[in-house]
């Protein structure tokens, strides 16, 4: 059973967030947080960047780098946030599995309580998965027996 959040690399999330504000959070599948960072980046552009700098940027003229500093600062904060989320989400989910008696859903990888019998995140029933795994194991054993001639 794999944990999908631990497969997300913090450096990749941070680099994506540096490239485009909010893209690191999309990579981490944090949709609301990504939308929030995009909104904050747009607000910083509208409120703090002079209109002449925006016009020069869109027309391809040279732009004073200090005029774009608020947007760059928001992008940097977004990258730090994406890195932090990717780094600590993977650690906390593996620690919770060890201490809380929870297991990871084989379908979506999120932490669930095994007593429920289904994943409350993706609604996969655990009994169906056990039956499917048993059918595959039985078929594999029959193939082995057929090869031996038993």
N, C-alpha and C. Protein backbone atom coordinates (compact mmCIF):
# COMPACT_ATOMS: atom_id res chain seq x y z
N UNK A 1 0.84 -1.17 0.00
CA UNK A 1 0.00 0.00 0.00
C UNK A 1 0.89 1.23 0.00
N UNK A 2 0.76 2.03 -1.01
CA UNK A 2 1.62 3.19 -1.12
C UNK A 2 0.88 4.45 -0.72
N UNK A 3 1.65 5.43 -0.29
CA UNK A 3 1.10 6.72 0.10
C UNK A 3 1.37 7.70 -1.02
N UNK A 4 0.34 8.26 -1.61
CA UNK A 4 0.52 9.14 -2.75
C UNK A 4 1.21 10.43 -2.37
N UNK A 5 1.01 10.90 -1.15
CA UNK A 5 1.63 12.16 -0.77
C UNK A 5 3.13 12.01 -0.58
N UNK A 6 3.61 10.83 -0.17
CA UNK A 6 5.03 10.67 0.03
C UNK A 6 5.77 10.58 -1.29
N UNK A 7 5.05 10.30 -2.40
CA UNK A 7 5.67 10.25 -3.71
C UNK A 7 5.89 11.64 -4.28
N UNK A 8 5.27 12.63 -3.69
CA UNK A 8 5.41 13.99 -4.17
C UNK A 8 6.71 14.57 -3.63
N UNK A 9 7.55 15.02 -4.51
CA UNK A 9 8.86 15.51 -4.10
C UNK A 9 8.81 17.00 -3.79
N UNK A 10 9.32 17.38 -2.63
CA UNK A 10 9.27 18.79 -2.22
C UNK A 10 10.00 19.74 -3.17
N UNK A 11 11.13 19.31 -3.71
CA UNK A 11 11.90 20.19 -4.59
C UNK A 11 11.13 20.44 -5.89
N UNK A 12 10.48 19.39 -6.42
CA UNK A 12 9.69 19.56 -7.64
C UNK A 12 8.53 20.52 -7.39
N UNK A 13 7.87 20.36 -6.25
CA UNK A 13 6.76 21.26 -5.91
C UNK A 13 7.24 22.70 -5.81
N UNK A 14 8.39 22.91 -5.19
CA UNK A 14 8.92 24.27 -5.04
C UNK A 14 9.32 24.86 -6.39
N UNK A 15 9.97 24.07 -7.24
CA UNK A 15 10.37 24.58 -8.55
C UNK A 15 9.17 24.92 -9.43
N UNK A 16 8.13 24.10 -9.36
CA UNK A 16 6.91 24.41 -10.11
C UNK A 16 6.26 25.69 -9.60
N UNK A 17 6.28 25.89 -8.28
CA UNK A 17 5.71 27.10 -7.70
C UNK A 17 6.53 28.33 -8.05
N UNK A 18 7.83 28.17 -8.23
CA UNK A 18 8.66 29.30 -8.66
C UNK A 18 8.34 29.65 -10.12
N UNK A 19 8.13 28.62 -10.94
CA UNK A 19 7.84 28.86 -12.35
C UNK A 19 6.50 29.57 -12.53
N UNK A 20 5.46 29.06 -11.87
CA UNK A 20 4.13 29.66 -11.94
C UNK A 20 3.52 29.58 -10.55
N UNK A 21 3.14 30.71 -10.02
CA UNK A 21 2.56 30.74 -8.68
C UNK A 21 1.33 29.85 -8.62
N UNK A 22 1.35 28.91 -7.68
CA UNK A 22 0.22 27.99 -7.51
C UNK A 22 0.40 26.66 -8.19
N UNK A 23 1.33 26.54 -9.12
CA UNK A 23 1.52 25.28 -9.85
C UNK A 23 2.10 24.18 -8.96
N UNK A 24 2.89 24.55 -7.98
CA UNK A 24 3.40 23.56 -7.03
C UNK A 24 2.29 22.95 -6.21
N UNK A 25 1.28 23.73 -5.89
CA UNK A 25 0.15 23.23 -5.13
C UNK A 25 -0.76 22.36 -6.00
N UNK A 26 -0.84 22.67 -7.29
CA UNK A 26 -1.57 21.80 -8.21
C UNK A 26 -0.88 20.44 -8.29
N UNK A 27 0.44 20.45 -8.35
CA UNK A 27 1.21 19.20 -8.34
C UNK A 27 0.93 18.38 -7.09
N UNK A 28 0.74 19.06 -5.97
CA UNK A 28 0.45 18.38 -4.71
C UNK A 28 -1.04 18.06 -4.55
N UNK A 29 -1.84 18.44 -5.52
CA UNK A 29 -3.29 18.23 -5.52
C UNK A 29 -3.97 18.97 -4.37
N UNK A 30 -3.47 20.14 -4.09
CA UNK A 30 -4.08 21.04 -3.11
C UNK A 30 -4.77 22.13 -3.89
N UNK A 31 -5.96 21.83 -4.41
CA UNK A 31 -6.64 22.70 -5.36
C UNK A 31 -7.02 24.05 -4.76
N UNK A 32 -7.60 24.05 -3.58
CA UNK A 32 -8.02 25.33 -2.98
C UNK A 32 -6.83 26.20 -2.65
N UNK A 33 -5.77 25.58 -2.18
CA UNK A 33 -4.58 26.35 -1.84
C UNK A 33 -3.94 26.92 -3.11
N UNK A 34 -3.96 26.16 -4.20
CA UNK A 34 -3.43 26.67 -5.47
C UNK A 34 -4.24 27.86 -5.95
N UNK A 35 -5.56 27.74 -5.87
CA UNK A 35 -6.42 28.86 -6.26
C UNK A 35 -6.15 30.08 -5.38
N UNK A 36 -5.93 29.85 -4.10
CA UNK A 36 -5.61 30.95 -3.19
C UNK A 36 -4.32 31.65 -3.57
N UNK A 37 -3.28 30.88 -3.90
CA UNK A 37 -2.01 31.50 -4.27
C UNK A 37 -2.12 32.24 -5.60
N UNK A 38 -2.87 31.70 -6.55
CA UNK A 38 -3.07 32.40 -7.81
C UNK A 38 -3.80 33.71 -7.57
N UNK A 39 -4.79 33.68 -6.69
CA UNK A 39 -5.54 34.90 -6.36
C UNK A 39 -4.65 35.93 -5.68
N UNK A 40 -3.82 35.49 -4.76
CA UNK A 40 -2.91 36.41 -4.07
C UNK A 40 -1.89 36.99 -5.06
N UNK A 41 -1.39 36.17 -5.98
CA UNK A 41 -0.45 36.65 -7.00
C UNK A 41 -1.09 37.69 -7.90
N UNK A 42 -2.33 37.42 -8.31
CA UNK A 42 -3.04 38.39 -9.15
C UNK A 42 -3.31 39.68 -8.39
N UNK A 43 -3.70 39.55 -7.13
CA UNK A 43 -3.95 40.75 -6.31
C UNK A 43 -2.67 41.57 -6.14
N UNK A 44 -1.55 40.90 -5.95
CA UNK A 44 -0.27 41.62 -5.83
C UNK A 44 0.06 42.36 -7.12
N UNK A 45 -0.26 41.73 -8.25
CA UNK A 45 0.01 42.37 -9.53
C UNK A 45 -0.87 43.61 -9.70
N UNK A 46 -2.14 43.49 -9.37
CA UNK A 46 -3.07 44.60 -9.56
C UNK A 46 -2.80 45.73 -8.56
N UNK A 47 -2.55 45.38 -7.31
CA UNK A 47 -2.44 46.40 -6.26
C UNK A 47 -1.07 47.05 -6.16
N UNK A 48 0.01 46.30 -6.40
CA UNK A 48 1.33 46.82 -6.08
C UNK A 48 2.25 47.06 -7.27
N UNK A 49 1.92 46.54 -8.43
CA UNK A 49 2.78 46.73 -9.61
C UNK A 49 2.21 47.90 -10.42
N UNK A 50 3.06 48.89 -10.74
CA UNK A 50 2.58 50.04 -11.53
C UNK A 50 2.07 49.60 -12.90
N UNK A 51 1.08 50.30 -13.39
CA UNK A 51 0.49 49.95 -14.68
C UNK A 51 1.48 50.10 -15.82
N UNK A 52 2.42 51.03 -15.69
CA UNK A 52 3.44 51.19 -16.73
C UNK A 52 4.33 49.95 -16.81
N UNK A 53 4.60 49.34 -15.68
CA UNK A 53 5.44 48.14 -15.67
C UNK A 53 4.69 46.97 -16.31
N UNK A 54 3.39 46.87 -16.06
CA UNK A 54 2.59 45.80 -16.66
C UNK A 54 2.52 45.99 -18.17
N UNK A 55 2.32 47.23 -18.62
CA UNK A 55 2.25 47.54 -20.04
C UNK A 55 3.59 47.23 -20.71
N UNK A 56 4.68 47.62 -20.07
CA UNK A 56 6.01 47.35 -20.63
C UNK A 56 6.29 45.85 -20.68
N UNK A 57 5.83 45.14 -19.68
CA UNK A 57 6.04 43.68 -19.63
C UNK A 57 5.27 42.99 -20.75
N UNK A 58 4.03 43.37 -20.97
CA UNK A 58 3.23 42.74 -22.01
C UNK A 58 3.67 43.11 -23.42
N UNK A 59 4.26 44.29 -23.58
CA UNK A 59 4.72 44.70 -24.91
C UNK A 59 6.13 44.23 -25.21
N UNK A 60 6.83 43.69 -24.23
CA UNK A 60 8.17 43.16 -24.45
C UNK A 60 9.27 44.16 -24.19
N UNK A 61 8.94 45.33 -23.67
CA UNK A 61 9.95 46.34 -23.35
C UNK A 61 10.66 45.97 -22.05
N UNK A 62 11.72 46.69 -21.75
CA UNK A 62 12.44 46.44 -20.51
C UNK A 62 11.63 46.94 -19.32
N UNK A 63 11.71 46.18 -18.25
CA UNK A 63 10.93 46.50 -17.05
C UNK A 63 11.89 46.59 -15.87
N UNK A 64 11.64 47.54 -15.01
CA UNK A 64 12.41 47.66 -13.78
C UNK A 64 12.11 46.44 -12.91
N UNK A 65 13.13 45.65 -12.54
CA UNK A 65 12.88 44.45 -11.75
C UNK A 65 12.25 44.74 -10.39
N UNK A 66 12.55 45.90 -9.82
CA UNK A 66 11.97 46.24 -8.53
C UNK A 66 10.46 46.48 -8.63
N UNK A 67 9.98 46.83 -9.82
CA UNK A 67 8.55 47.04 -9.99
C UNK A 67 7.79 45.71 -9.89
N UNK A 68 8.45 44.61 -10.24
CA UNK A 68 7.83 43.29 -10.19
C UNK A 68 8.14 42.54 -8.89
N UNK A 69 8.79 43.21 -7.97
CA UNK A 69 9.18 42.57 -6.70
C UNK A 69 8.00 42.02 -5.90
N UNK A 70 6.86 42.69 -5.83
CA UNK A 70 5.74 42.10 -5.07
C UNK A 70 5.26 40.77 -5.64
N UNK A 71 5.22 40.66 -6.95
CA UNK A 71 4.79 39.42 -7.57
C UNK A 71 5.84 38.33 -7.35
N UNK A 72 7.10 38.69 -7.43
CA UNK A 72 8.18 37.72 -7.18
C UNK A 72 8.16 37.26 -5.72
N UNK A 73 7.85 38.17 -4.82
CA UNK A 73 7.78 37.82 -3.41
C UNK A 73 6.64 36.83 -3.14
N UNK A 74 5.50 37.06 -3.76
CA UNK A 74 4.37 36.13 -3.61
C UNK A 74 4.74 34.77 -4.20
N UNK A 75 5.42 34.75 -5.34
CA UNK A 75 5.87 33.50 -5.94
C UNK A 75 6.85 32.76 -5.04
N UNK A 76 7.73 33.49 -4.38
CA UNK A 76 8.68 32.87 -3.46
C UNK A 76 7.96 32.28 -2.25
N UNK A 77 7.00 33.01 -1.70
CA UNK A 77 6.22 32.48 -0.59
C UNK A 77 5.43 31.24 -0.99
N UNK A 78 4.91 31.25 -2.20
CA UNK A 78 4.18 30.09 -2.71
C UNK A 78 5.11 28.87 -2.82
N UNK A 79 6.33 29.10 -3.28
CA UNK A 79 7.30 28.01 -3.40
C UNK A 79 7.67 27.44 -2.03
N UNK A 80 7.87 28.31 -1.07
CA UNK A 80 8.20 27.85 0.29
C UNK A 80 7.02 27.07 0.87
N UNK A 81 5.81 27.54 0.65
CA UNK A 81 4.63 26.85 1.16
C UNK A 81 4.47 25.47 0.50
N UNK A 82 4.66 25.39 -0.81
CA UNK A 82 4.55 24.11 -1.52
C UNK A 82 5.62 23.14 -1.04
N UNK A 83 6.84 23.63 -0.84
CA UNK A 83 7.93 22.79 -0.34
C UNK A 83 7.59 22.26 1.05
N UNK A 84 7.10 23.14 1.90
CA UNK A 84 6.76 22.75 3.28
C UNK A 84 5.64 21.72 3.30
N UNK A 85 4.63 21.92 2.49
CA UNK A 85 3.52 20.96 2.45
C UNK A 85 3.99 19.60 1.96
N UNK A 86 4.77 19.58 0.88
CA UNK A 86 5.25 18.31 0.34
C UNK A 86 6.17 17.60 1.32
N UNK A 87 6.97 18.36 2.03
CA UNK A 87 7.93 17.76 2.96
C UNK A 87 7.23 17.18 4.19
N UNK A 88 6.35 17.94 4.79
CA UNK A 88 5.75 17.51 6.05
C UNK A 88 4.52 16.62 5.88
N UNK A 89 3.84 16.69 4.75
CA UNK A 89 2.68 15.83 4.53
C UNK A 89 3.13 14.38 4.42
N UNK A 90 4.19 14.12 3.72
CA UNK A 90 4.70 12.76 3.58
C UNK A 90 5.15 12.19 4.91
N UNK A 91 5.78 12.99 5.74
CA UNK A 91 6.24 12.51 7.05
C UNK A 91 5.09 12.24 7.99
N UNK A 92 4.14 13.16 8.04
CA UNK A 92 3.05 13.02 9.00
C UNK A 92 2.17 11.83 8.66
N UNK A 93 1.97 11.52 7.38
CA UNK A 93 1.11 10.41 7.03
C UNK A 93 1.76 9.07 7.37
N UNK A 94 3.08 8.96 7.24
CA UNK A 94 3.72 7.70 7.60
C UNK A 94 3.78 7.54 9.10
N UNK A 95 3.96 8.64 9.84
CA UNK A 95 3.96 8.55 11.29
C UNK A 95 2.57 8.21 11.81
N UNK A 96 1.52 8.74 11.19
CA UNK A 96 0.16 8.45 11.62
C UNK A 96 -0.19 6.99 11.39
N UNK A 97 0.35 6.39 10.36
CA UNK A 97 0.09 4.98 10.09
C UNK A 97 0.69 4.11 11.19
N UNK A 98 1.86 4.49 11.67
CA UNK A 98 2.53 3.69 12.69
C UNK A 98 1.89 3.84 14.06
N UNK A 99 1.47 5.04 14.42
CA UNK A 99 1.02 5.28 15.79
C UNK A 99 -0.49 5.16 15.97
N UNK A 100 -1.28 5.49 14.98
CA UNK A 100 -2.73 5.52 15.13
C UNK A 100 -3.41 4.20 14.75
N UNK A 101 -2.69 3.24 14.19
CA UNK A 101 -3.29 2.00 13.75
C UNK A 101 -4.06 2.15 12.46
N UNK A 102 -3.84 3.23 11.73
CA UNK A 102 -4.53 3.45 10.47
C UNK A 102 -3.74 2.77 9.35
N UNK A 103 -4.40 2.53 8.25
CA UNK A 103 -3.75 1.97 7.07
C UNK A 103 -4.00 2.89 5.89
N UNK A 104 -3.26 2.69 4.83
CA UNK A 104 -3.43 3.48 3.62
C UNK A 104 -4.35 2.75 2.66
N UNK A 105 -5.26 3.48 2.04
CA UNK A 105 -6.17 2.91 1.05
C UNK A 105 -5.35 2.48 -0.16
N UNK A 106 -5.52 1.26 -0.65
CA UNK A 106 -4.75 0.83 -1.81
C UNK A 106 -5.16 1.54 -3.10
N UNK A 107 -6.34 2.14 -3.13
CA UNK A 107 -6.79 2.81 -4.34
C UNK A 107 -6.31 4.26 -4.41
N UNK A 108 -6.51 5.04 -3.31
CA UNK A 108 -6.14 6.46 -3.37
C UNK A 108 -4.93 6.80 -2.52
N UNK A 109 -4.54 5.90 -1.59
CA UNK A 109 -3.34 6.11 -0.79
C UNK A 109 -3.53 6.96 0.44
N UNK A 110 -4.75 7.41 0.72
CA UNK A 110 -4.98 8.24 1.90
C UNK A 110 -5.18 7.37 3.13
N UNK A 111 -4.92 7.93 4.28
CA UNK A 111 -5.01 7.19 5.53
C UNK A 111 -6.47 6.99 5.94
N UNK A 112 -6.82 5.73 6.26
CA UNK A 112 -8.18 5.39 6.67
C UNK A 112 -8.13 4.41 7.83
N UNK A 113 -9.26 4.27 8.51
CA UNK A 113 -9.37 3.30 9.58
C UNK A 113 -9.82 1.97 9.00
N UNK A 114 -9.12 0.87 9.28
CA UNK A 114 -9.47 -0.41 8.66
C UNK A 114 -10.81 -0.96 9.13
N UNK A 115 -11.29 -0.52 10.29
CA UNK A 115 -12.57 -1.03 10.80
C UNK A 115 -13.75 -0.60 9.95
N UNK A 116 -13.60 0.48 9.19
CA UNK A 116 -14.72 0.98 8.39
C UNK A 116 -15.11 0.02 7.27
N UNK A 117 -14.15 -0.67 6.70
CA UNK A 117 -14.45 -1.57 5.60
C UNK A 117 -14.47 -0.88 4.25
N UNK A 118 -14.32 0.43 4.23
CA UNK A 118 -14.25 1.18 2.98
C UNK A 118 -13.46 2.45 3.22
N UNK A 119 -12.99 3.03 2.13
CA UNK A 119 -12.24 4.30 2.20
C UNK A 119 -13.24 5.44 2.14
N UNK A 120 -13.24 6.29 3.17
CA UNK A 120 -14.17 7.42 3.18
C UNK A 120 -13.72 8.54 2.24
N UNK A 121 -12.57 8.41 1.63
CA UNK A 121 -12.10 9.41 0.66
C UNK A 121 -12.56 9.06 -0.75
N UNK A 122 -12.37 7.80 -1.15
CA UNK A 122 -12.69 7.42 -2.53
C UNK A 122 -13.78 6.36 -2.62
N UNK A 123 -14.33 5.93 -1.50
CA UNK A 123 -15.42 4.96 -1.37
C UNK A 123 -15.08 3.57 -1.90
N UNK A 124 -13.81 3.21 -1.93
CA UNK A 124 -13.42 1.86 -2.32
C UNK A 124 -13.69 0.92 -1.15
N UNK A 125 -14.40 -0.17 -1.42
CA UNK A 125 -14.67 -1.14 -0.37
C UNK A 125 -13.48 -2.08 -0.24
N UNK A 126 -13.04 -2.31 0.98
CA UNK A 126 -11.87 -3.15 1.21
C UNK A 126 -12.18 -4.62 0.98
N UNK A 127 -13.39 -5.06 1.20
CA UNK A 127 -13.72 -6.47 0.98
C UNK A 127 -13.61 -6.82 -0.48
N UNK A 128 -13.99 -5.92 -1.37
CA UNK A 128 -13.87 -6.18 -2.80
C UNK A 128 -12.42 -6.34 -3.20
N UNK A 129 -11.54 -5.52 -2.62
CA UNK A 129 -10.13 -5.62 -2.94
C UNK A 129 -9.53 -6.92 -2.44
N UNK A 130 -9.93 -7.37 -1.25
CA UNK A 130 -9.42 -8.63 -0.72
C UNK A 130 -9.86 -9.80 -1.58
N UNK A 131 -11.12 -9.78 -2.03
CA UNK A 131 -11.63 -10.85 -2.88
C UNK A 131 -10.88 -10.85 -4.21
N UNK A 132 -10.67 -9.67 -4.78
CA UNK A 132 -9.96 -9.59 -6.05
C UNK A 132 -8.53 -10.08 -5.90
N UNK A 133 -7.85 -9.71 -4.80
CA UNK A 133 -6.49 -10.18 -4.56
C UNK A 133 -6.48 -11.68 -4.37
N UNK A 134 -7.47 -12.25 -3.68
CA UNK A 134 -7.53 -13.69 -3.47
C UNK A 134 -7.75 -14.42 -4.78
N UNK A 135 -8.60 -13.88 -5.66
CA UNK A 135 -8.82 -14.49 -6.96
C UNK A 135 -7.55 -14.51 -7.79
N UNK A 136 -6.78 -13.42 -7.74
CA UNK A 136 -5.52 -13.37 -8.48
C UNK A 136 -4.55 -14.38 -7.91
N UNK A 137 -4.45 -14.50 -6.58
CA UNK A 137 -3.55 -15.46 -5.96
C UNK A 137 -3.95 -16.89 -6.30
N UNK A 138 -5.26 -17.20 -6.28
CA UNK A 138 -5.73 -18.54 -6.62
C UNK A 138 -5.40 -18.87 -8.07
N UNK A 139 -5.58 -17.91 -8.96
CA UNK A 139 -5.27 -18.14 -10.37
C UNK A 139 -3.78 -18.38 -10.56
N UNK A 140 -2.96 -17.65 -9.83
CA UNK A 140 -1.52 -17.84 -9.93
C UNK A 140 -1.12 -19.22 -9.41
N UNK A 141 -1.75 -19.66 -8.33
CA UNK A 141 -1.45 -21.00 -7.80
C UNK A 141 -1.88 -22.08 -8.78
N UNK A 142 -3.02 -21.92 -9.43
CA UNK A 142 -3.47 -22.91 -10.41
C UNK A 142 -2.50 -22.97 -11.59
N UNK A 143 -1.98 -21.79 -12.02
CA UNK A 143 -1.02 -21.80 -13.11
C UNK A 143 0.24 -22.55 -12.74
N UNK A 144 0.70 -22.35 -11.51
CA UNK A 144 1.90 -23.04 -11.04
C UNK A 144 1.65 -24.54 -10.98
N UNK A 145 0.46 -24.93 -10.47
CA UNK A 145 0.14 -26.35 -10.38
C UNK A 145 0.06 -26.98 -11.78
N UNK A 146 -0.50 -26.24 -12.75
CA UNK A 146 -0.60 -26.75 -14.10
C UNK A 146 0.77 -26.94 -14.73
N UNK A 147 1.71 -26.05 -14.42
CA UNK A 147 3.06 -26.16 -14.98
C UNK A 147 3.78 -27.38 -14.41
N UNK A 148 3.54 -27.67 -13.12
CA UNK A 148 4.17 -28.82 -12.49
C UNK A 148 3.50 -30.14 -12.88
N UNK A 149 2.28 -30.05 -13.37
CA UNK A 149 1.55 -31.24 -13.74
C UNK A 149 0.77 -31.84 -12.59
N UNK A 150 0.52 -31.06 -11.54
CA UNK A 150 -0.24 -31.55 -10.38
C UNK A 150 -1.71 -31.60 -10.63
